[in-house]
Amino acid sequence: LGSSFAAKAESRSPLKDEPSLLVMTTRKMAAEKSPGTGVASPFFTADRGRGLVFAKARLAPPSDANFASRMASGESAGWSVNRLQRIVAQGAASAMAQAASGRDVLIYVHGYNETFETAASGAANLADGINFQGQSALFAWPSGGGLMAYAYDRESALWSRDGFIDMLMAQLEGERPQPVQLPTELVQRSTTWA
């Protein structure tokens, strides 16, 4: 594991200073925009896209209110996505590897029943919670985001396998490959998909 994985009590989470998340997805964009332009919420749908898309998400931190107050007001319990920047469709895997170059990378792969927004929040909450000192990233496949979408989610996860592998290979083939941490049970399934 990379040196950035060990949380240090005295160090500050990089998300506090640079609130961003690298995003690789096989989801369809909610609003078709020209590559490279900013996009506002909603960002990606539950539909399958045309291939890999890379984007850099700008994040908003959780409010200073305590957890109970946030939940009572209906406010998000954690980090949220404000906007997407630098959207790249051609050469998406290479673009992500270049954006993460020289840093340890924590790649979060969400599970079933997740929207893009809840997956991004989960990735940021994990990185912030463990005080990860490298670059945080999300691989978001097209989950239906609902309890009754299990069959669609399973097919979509399998459909996204090649994009996931392309992203990993690009990350590991860079000039200076860095350690990659993958904290999810879904990744274990990828070994059985091959």
C-alpha atoms as a PDB file:
ATOM      1  CA  LEU A   1       0.000   0.000   0.000  1.00  0.00           C
ATOM      2  CA  GLY A   2       1.112   3.524  -0.643  1.00  0.00           C
ATOM      3  CA  SER A   3       2.471   5.806   2.031  1.00  0.00           C
ATOM      4  CA  SER A   4      -0.542   8.111   1.598  1.00  0.00           C
ATOM      5  CA  PHE A   5      -2.904   5.452   2.906  1.00  0.00           C
ATOM      6  CA  ALA A   6      -1.703   5.746   6.503  1.00  0.00           C
ATOM      7  CA  ALA A   7      -3.730   8.484   8.161  1.00  0.00           C
ATOM      8  CA  LYS A   8      -1.799  10.825  10.421  1.00  0.00           C
ATOM      9  CA  ALA A   9      -3.632  12.580  13.223  1.00  0.00           C
ATOM     10  CA  GLU A  10      -1.613  15.784  12.754  1.00  0.00           C
ATOM     11  CA  SER A  11      -2.083  15.998   8.977  1.00  0.00           C
ATOM     12  CA  ARG A  12      -4.998  17.705   7.294  1.00  0.00           C
ATOM     13  CA  SER A  13      -7.098  16.034   4.596  1.00  0.00           C
ATOM     14  CA  PRO A  14      -6.115  17.350   1.133  1.00  0.00           C
ATOM     15  CA  LEU A  15      -9.835  17.663   0.339  1.00  0.00           C
ATOM     16  CA  LYS A  16     -10.001  20.578   2.787  1.00  0.00           C
ATOM     17  CA  ASP A  17      -7.457  22.539   0.702  1.00  0.00           C
ATOM     18  CA  GLU A  18      -8.215  21.185  -2.790  1.00  0.00           C
ATOM     19  CA  PRO A  19     -11.842  19.981  -2.790  1.00  0.00           C
ATOM     20  CA  SER A  20     -11.758  17.907  -5.965  1.00  0.00           C
ATOM     21  CA  LEU A  21     -12.329  14.335  -7.059  1.00  0.00           C
ATOM     22  CA  LEU A  22     -11.108  12.666 -10.249  1.00  0.00           C
ATOM     23  CA  VAL A  23     -14.029  10.903 -11.927  1.00  0.00           C
ATOM     24  CA  MET A  24     -13.988   8.092 -14.483  1.00  0.00           C
ATOM     25  CA  THR A  25     -17.404   6.916 -15.577  1.00  0.00           C
ATOM     26  CA  THR A  26     -19.321   4.838 -18.094  1.00  0.00           C
ATOM     27  CA  ARG A  27     -22.554   6.688 -17.284  1.00  0.00           C
ATOM     28  CA  LYS A  28     -24.354   8.933 -19.765  1.00  0.00           C
ATOM     29  CA  MET A  29     -24.035  12.666 -19.145  1.00  0.00           C
ATOM     30  CA  ALA A  30     -27.308  14.230 -18.021  1.00  0.00           C
ATOM     31  CA  ALA A  31     -26.834  17.288 -20.209  1.00  0.00           C
ATOM     32  CA  GLU A  32     -24.815  16.864 -23.364  1.00  0.00           C
ATOM     33  CA  LYS A  33     -22.162  19.549 -23.204  1.00  0.00           C
ATOM     34  CA  SER A  34     -19.079  20.174 -25.265  1.00  0.00           C
ATOM     35  CA  PRO A  35     -16.037  18.344 -23.873  1.00  0.00           C
ATOM     36  CA  GLY A  36     -14.075  20.543 -21.513  1.00  0.00           C
ATOM     37  CA  THR A  37     -16.979  22.742 -20.365  1.00  0.00           C
ATOM     38  CA  GLY A  38     -18.393  22.925 -16.838  1.00  0.00           C
ATOM     39  CA  VAL A  39     -21.580  21.068 -16.047  1.00  0.00           C
ATOM     40  CA  ALA A  40     -24.055  21.657 -13.247  1.00  0.00           C
ATOM     41  CA  SER A  41     -26.185  19.071 -11.409  1.00  0.00           C
ATOM     42  CA  PRO A  42     -27.586  16.627 -12.320  1.00  0.00           C
ATOM     43  CA  PHE A  43     -24.305  15.383 -13.759  1.00  0.00           C
ATOM     44  CA  PHE A  44     -24.762  11.810 -14.982  1.00  0.00           C
ATOM     45  CA  THR A  45     -27.833   9.616 -15.415  1.00  0.00           C
ATOM     46  CA  ALA A  46     -28.316   5.934 -14.629  1.00  0.00           C
ATOM     47  CA  ASP A  47     -28.074   5.205 -18.366  1.00  0.00           C
ATOM     48  CA  ARG A  48     -25.044   3.674 -20.038  1.00  0.00           C
ATOM     49  CA  GLY A  49     -22.887   6.156 -21.906  1.00  0.00           C
ATOM     50  CA  ARG A  50     -20.996   5.713 -25.163  1.00  0.00           C
ATOM     51  CA  GLY A  51     -17.711   4.878 -23.429  1.00  0.00           C
ATOM     52  CA  LEU A  52     -15.361   6.153 -20.769  1.00  0.00           C
ATOM     53  CA  VAL A  53     -15.580   9.782 -19.691  1.00  0.00           C
ATOM     54  CA  PHE A  54     -13.091  11.541 -17.423  1.00  0.00           C
ATOM     55  CA  ALA A  55     -13.967  14.644 -15.433  1.00  0.00           C
ATOM     56  CA  LYS A  56     -12.675  16.549 -12.457  1.00  0.00           C
ATOM     57  CA  ALA A  57     -15.402  17.194  -9.901  1.00  0.00           C
ATOM     58  CA  ARG A  58     -15.303  20.287  -7.709  1.00  0.00           C
ATOM     59  CA  LEU A  59     -16.640  19.422  -4.270  1.00  0.00           C
ATOM     60  CA  ALA A  60     -18.477  21.252  -1.506  1.00  0.00           C
ATOM     61  CA  PRO A  61     -17.572  20.205   2.037  1.00  0.00           C
ATOM     62  CA  PRO A  62     -20.139  19.103   4.603  1.00  0.00           C
ATOM     63  CA  SER A  63     -21.602  21.961   6.606  1.00  0.00           C
ATOM     64  CA  ASP A  64     -20.287  22.634  10.096  1.00  0.00           C
ATOM     65  CA  ALA A  65     -23.652  21.651  11.597  1.00  0.00           C
ATOM     66  CA  ASN A  66     -23.686  18.376  13.468  1.00  0.00           C
ATOM     67  CA  PHE A  67     -24.895  15.228  11.732  1.00  0.00           C
ATOM     68  CA  ALA A  68     -28.323  15.191  13.456  1.00  0.00           C
ATOM     69  CA  SER A  69     -29.021  18.809  12.452  1.00  0.00           C
ATOM     70  CA  ARG A  70     -28.065  18.132   8.813  1.00  0.00           C
ATOM     71  CA  MET A  71     -30.296  15.065   8.633  1.00  0.00           C
ATOM     72  CA  ALA A  72     -33.254  16.866  10.259  1.00  0.00           C
ATOM     73  CA  SER A  73     -33.014  19.697   7.725  1.00  0.00           C
ATOM     74  CA  GLY A  74     -32.707  17.290   4.787  1.00  0.00           C
ATOM     75  CA  GLU A  75     -29.203  18.573   4.057  1.00  0.00           C
ATOM     76  CA  SER A  76     -26.577  16.219   2.659  1.00  0.00           C
ATOM     77  CA  ALA A  77     -24.692  14.359   5.366  1.00  0.00           C
ATOM     78  CA  GLY A  78     -21.350  14.739   3.615  1.00  0.00           C
ATOM     79  CA  TRP A  79     -19.397  16.066   0.682  1.00  0.00           C
ATOM     80  CA  SER A  80     -21.277  16.954  -2.500  1.00  0.00           C
ATOM     81  CA  VAL A  81     -20.411  17.781  -6.111  1.00  0.00           C
ATOM     82  CA  ASN A  82     -20.728  21.440  -7.127  1.00  0.00           C
ATOM     83  CA  ARG A  83     -19.708  21.107 -10.763  1.00  0.00           C
ATOM     84  CA  LEU A  84     -17.646  19.133 -13.231  1.00  0.00           C
ATOM     85  CA  GLN A  85     -14.592  20.509 -14.977  1.00  0.00           C
ATOM     86  CA  ARG A  86     -12.312  19.258 -17.719  1.00  0.00           C
ATOM     87  CA  ILE A  87     -14.641  16.703 -19.264  1.00  0.00           C
ATOM     88  CA  VAL A  88     -12.734  14.383 -21.619  1.00  0.00           C
ATOM     89  CA  ALA A  89     -14.227  11.585 -23.722  1.00  0.00           C
ATOM     90  CA  GLN A  90     -11.399  10.790 -26.170  1.00  0.00           C
ATOM     91  CA  GLY A  91      -8.469   9.272 -24.271  1.00  0.00           C
ATOM     92  CA  ALA A  92     -10.332   9.438 -20.957  1.00  0.00           C
ATOM     93  CA  ALA A  93      -8.214   6.789 -19.185  1.00  0.00           C
ATOM     94  CA  SER A  94      -4.974   8.534 -20.172  1.00  0.00           C
ATOM     95  CA  ALA A  95      -6.390  11.910 -19.089  1.00  0.00           C
ATOM     96  CA  MET A  96      -7.130  10.534 -15.632  1.00  0.00           C
ATOM     97  CA  ALA A  97      -3.687   8.944 -15.320  1.00  0.00           C
ATOM     98  CA  GLN A  98      -2.109  12.257 -16.296  1.00  0.00           C
ATOM     99  CA  ALA A  99      -4.241  14.179 -13.779  1.00  0.00           C
ATOM    100  CA  ALA A 100      -3.141  11.830 -10.989  1.00  0.00           C
ATOM    101  CA  SER A 101       0.498  11.593 -12.092  1.00  0.00           C
ATOM    102  CA  GLY A 102       3.015  11.472  -9.284  1.00  0.00           C
ATOM    103  CA  ARG A 103       0.509  10.916  -6.479  1.00  0.00           C
ATOM    104  CA  ASP A 104      -0.920   7.899  -4.718  1.00  0.00           C
ATOM    105  CA  VAL A 105      -4.492   7.324  -5.871  1.00  0.00           C
ATOM    106  CA  LEU A 106      -7.480   6.058  -3.915  1.00  0.00           C
ATOM    107  CA  ILE A 107     -10.037   4.749  -6.439  1.00  0.00           C
ATOM    108  CA  TYR A 108     -13.518   4.310  -5.002  1.00  0.00           C
ATOM    109  CA  VAL A 109     -15.859   1.969  -6.880  1.00  0.00           C
ATOM    110  CA  HIS A 110     -19.432   2.229  -5.623  1.00  0.00           C
ATOM    111  CA  GLY A 111     -21.815  -0.653  -5.121  1.00  0.00           C
ATOM    112  CA  TYR A 112     -25.390  -1.256  -6.223  1.00  0.00           C
ATOM    113  CA  ASN A 113     -28.236   1.230  -5.762  1.00  0.00           C
ATOM    114  CA  GLU A 114     -26.155   4.407  -6.192  1.00  0.00           C
ATOM    115  CA  THR A 115     -26.674   7.607  -8.138  1.00  0.00           C
ATOM    116  CA  PHE A 116     -23.623   9.473  -9.396  1.00  0.00           C
ATOM    117  CA  GLU A 117     -24.079  12.061  -6.661  1.00  0.00           C
ATOM    118  CA  THR A 118     -24.277   9.504  -3.818  1.00  0.00           C
ATOM    119  CA  ALA A 119     -21.253   7.636  -5.198  1.00  0.00           C
ATOM    120  CA  ALA A 120     -19.195  10.849  -5.397  1.00  0.00           C
ATOM    121  CA  SER A 121     -20.234  11.755  -1.867  1.00  0.00           C
ATOM    122  CA  GLY A 122     -19.213   8.294  -0.661  1.00  0.00           C
ATOM    123  CA  ALA A 123     -15.797   8.580  -2.328  1.00  0.00           C
ATOM    124  CA  ALA A 124     -15.109  11.996  -0.804  1.00  0.00           C
ATOM    125  CA  ASN A 125     -16.418  10.982   2.620  1.00  0.00           C
ATOM    126  CA  LEU A 126     -14.137   7.930   2.637  1.00  0.00           C
ATOM    127  CA  ALA A 127     -11.035   9.867   1.542  1.00  0.00           C
ATOM    128  CA  ASP A 128     -11.717  12.623   4.069  1.00  0.00           C
ATOM    129  CA  GLY A 129     -12.625  10.155   6.815  1.00  0.00           C
ATOM    130  CA  ILE A 130      -9.362   8.212   6.518  1.00  0.00           C
ATOM    131  CA  ASN A 131      -7.408  11.427   5.904  1.00  0.00           C
ATOM    132  CA  PHE A 132      -6.046  10.081   2.611  1.00  0.00           C
ATOM    133  CA  GLN A 133      -3.027  12.156   1.567  1.00  0.00           C
ATOM    134  CA  GLY A 134      -3.017  11.332  -2.158  1.00  0.00           C
ATOM    135  CA  GLN A 135      -5.472  11.961  -5.011  1.00  0.00           C
ATOM    136  CA  SER A 136      -9.028  10.677  -4.534  1.00  0.00           C
ATOM    137  CA  ALA A 137     -10.885   9.228  -7.515  1.00  0.00           C
ATOM    138  CA  LEU A 138     -14.215   7.608  -8.347  1.00  0.00           C
ATOM    139  CA  PHE A 139     -15.082   4.971 -10.920  1.00  0.00           C
ATOM    140  CA  ALA A 140     -18.839   5.392 -11.461  1.00  0.00           C
ATOM    141  CA  TRP A 141     -20.638   2.742 -13.475  1.00  0.00           C
ATOM    142  CA  PRO A 142     -24.321   3.144 -14.464  1.00  0.00           C
ATOM    143  CA  SER A 143     -26.255   1.934 -11.423  1.00  0.00           C
ATOM    144  CA  GLY A 144     -30.027   2.312 -11.609  1.00  0.00           C
ATOM    145  CA  GLY A 145     -29.963   3.972  -8.194  1.00  0.00           C
ATOM    146  CA  GLY A 146     -33.026   2.133  -6.899  1.00  0.00           C
ATOM    147  CA  LEU A 147     -33.921  -0.959  -4.925  1.00  0.00           C
ATOM    148  CA  MET A 148     -35.719  -2.579  -7.858  1.00  0.00           C
ATOM    149  CA  ALA A 149     -32.798  -2.051 -10.257  1.00  0.00           C
ATOM    150  CA  TYR A 150     -30.639  -4.967  -9.100  1.00  0.00           C
ATOM    151  CA  ALA A 151     -30.684  -6.825 -12.450  1.00  0.00           C
ATOM    152  CA  TYR A 152     -29.850  -3.621 -14.357  1.00  0.00           C
ATOM    153  CA  ASP A 153     -27.086  -2.823 -11.861  1.00  0.00           C
ATOM    154  CA  ARG A 154     -25.532  -6.262 -12.226  1.00  0.00           C
ATOM    155  CA  GLU A 155     -25.555  -6.031 -16.032  1.00  0.00           C
ATOM    156  CA  SER A 156     -24.200  -2.471 -15.937  1.00  0.00           C
ATOM    157  CA  ALA A 157     -21.355  -3.444 -13.613  1.00  0.00           C
ATOM    158  CA  LEU A 158     -20.383  -6.246 -15.997  1.00  0.00           C
ATOM    159  CA  TRP A 159     -20.791  -3.910 -19.000  1.00  0.00           C
ATOM    160  CA  SER A 160     -18.378  -1.435 -17.351  1.00  0.00           C
ATOM    161  CA  ARG A 161     -15.655  -4.006 -16.712  1.00  0.00           C
ATOM    162  CA  ASP A 162     -13.534  -3.128 -19.759  1.00  0.00           C
ATOM    163  CA  GLY A 163     -13.631   0.583 -18.940  1.00  0.00           C
ATOM    164  CA  PHE A 164     -12.568  -0.155 -15.375  1.00  0.00           C
ATOM    165  CA  ILE A 165      -9.636  -2.256 -16.587  1.00  0.00           C
ATOM    166  CA  ASP A 166      -8.639   0.433 -19.133  1.00  0.00           C
ATOM    167  CA  MET A 167      -8.592   3.006 -16.328  1.00  0.00           C
ATOM    168  CA  LEU A 168      -6.423   0.792 -14.103  1.00  0.00           C
ATOM    169  CA  MET A 169      -4.017  -0.060 -16.903  1.00  0.00           C
ATOM    170  CA  ALA A 170      -3.566   3.619 -17.826  1.00  0.00           C
ATOM    171  CA  GLN A 171      -2.923   4.441 -14.164  1.00  0.00           C
ATOM    172  CA  LEU A 172      -0.324   1.696 -13.822  1.00  0.00           C
ATOM    173  CA  GLU A 173       1.434   2.339 -17.161  1.00  0.00           C
ATOM    174  CA  GLY A 174       2.337   5.969 -16.552  1.00  0.00           C
ATOM    175  CA  GLU A 175       5.893   7.280 -16.460  1.00  0.00           C
ATOM    176  CA  ARG A 176       5.929   7.037 -12.675  1.00  0.00           C
ATOM    177  CA  PRO A 177       3.183   4.608 -11.676  1.00  0.00           C
ATOM    178  CA  GLN A 178       1.950   5.187  -8.149  1.00  0.00           C
ATOM    179  CA  PRO A 179       0.305   2.817  -5.690  1.00  0.00           C
ATOM    180  CA  VAL A 180      -3.439   2.484  -6.188  1.00  0.00           C
ATOM    181  CA  GLN A 181      -5.853   1.581  -3.379  1.00  0.00           C
ATOM    182  CA  LEU A 182      -9.244   0.094  -4.263  1.00  0.00           C
ATOM    183  CA  PRO A 183     -11.561  -0.025  -1.225  1.00  0.00           C
ATOM    184  CA  THR A 184     -14.632  -1.943  -2.339  1.00  0.00           C
ATOM    185  CA  GLU A 185     -16.049  -5.432  -2.521  1.00  0.00           C
ATOM    186  CA  LEU A 186     -17.186  -4.805  -6.105  1.00  0.00           C
ATOM    187  CA  VAL A 187     -13.553  -4.802  -7.223  1.00  0.00           C
ATOM    188  CA  GLN A 188     -13.240  -8.376  -5.923  1.00  0.00           C
ATOM    189  CA  ARG A 189     -15.925  -9.356  -8.405  1.00  0.00           C
ATOM    190  CA  SER A 190     -13.868  -7.942 -11.286  1.00  0.00           C
ATOM    191  CA  THR A 191     -11.408 -10.809 -10.902  1.00  0.00           C
ATOM    192  CA  THR A 192     -14.219 -13.271 -11.608  1.00  0.00           C
ATOM    193  CA  TRP A 193     -15.440 -11.299 -14.647  1.00  0.00           C
ATOM    194  CA  ALA A 194     -12.277 -11.886 -16.681  1.00  0.00           C
END
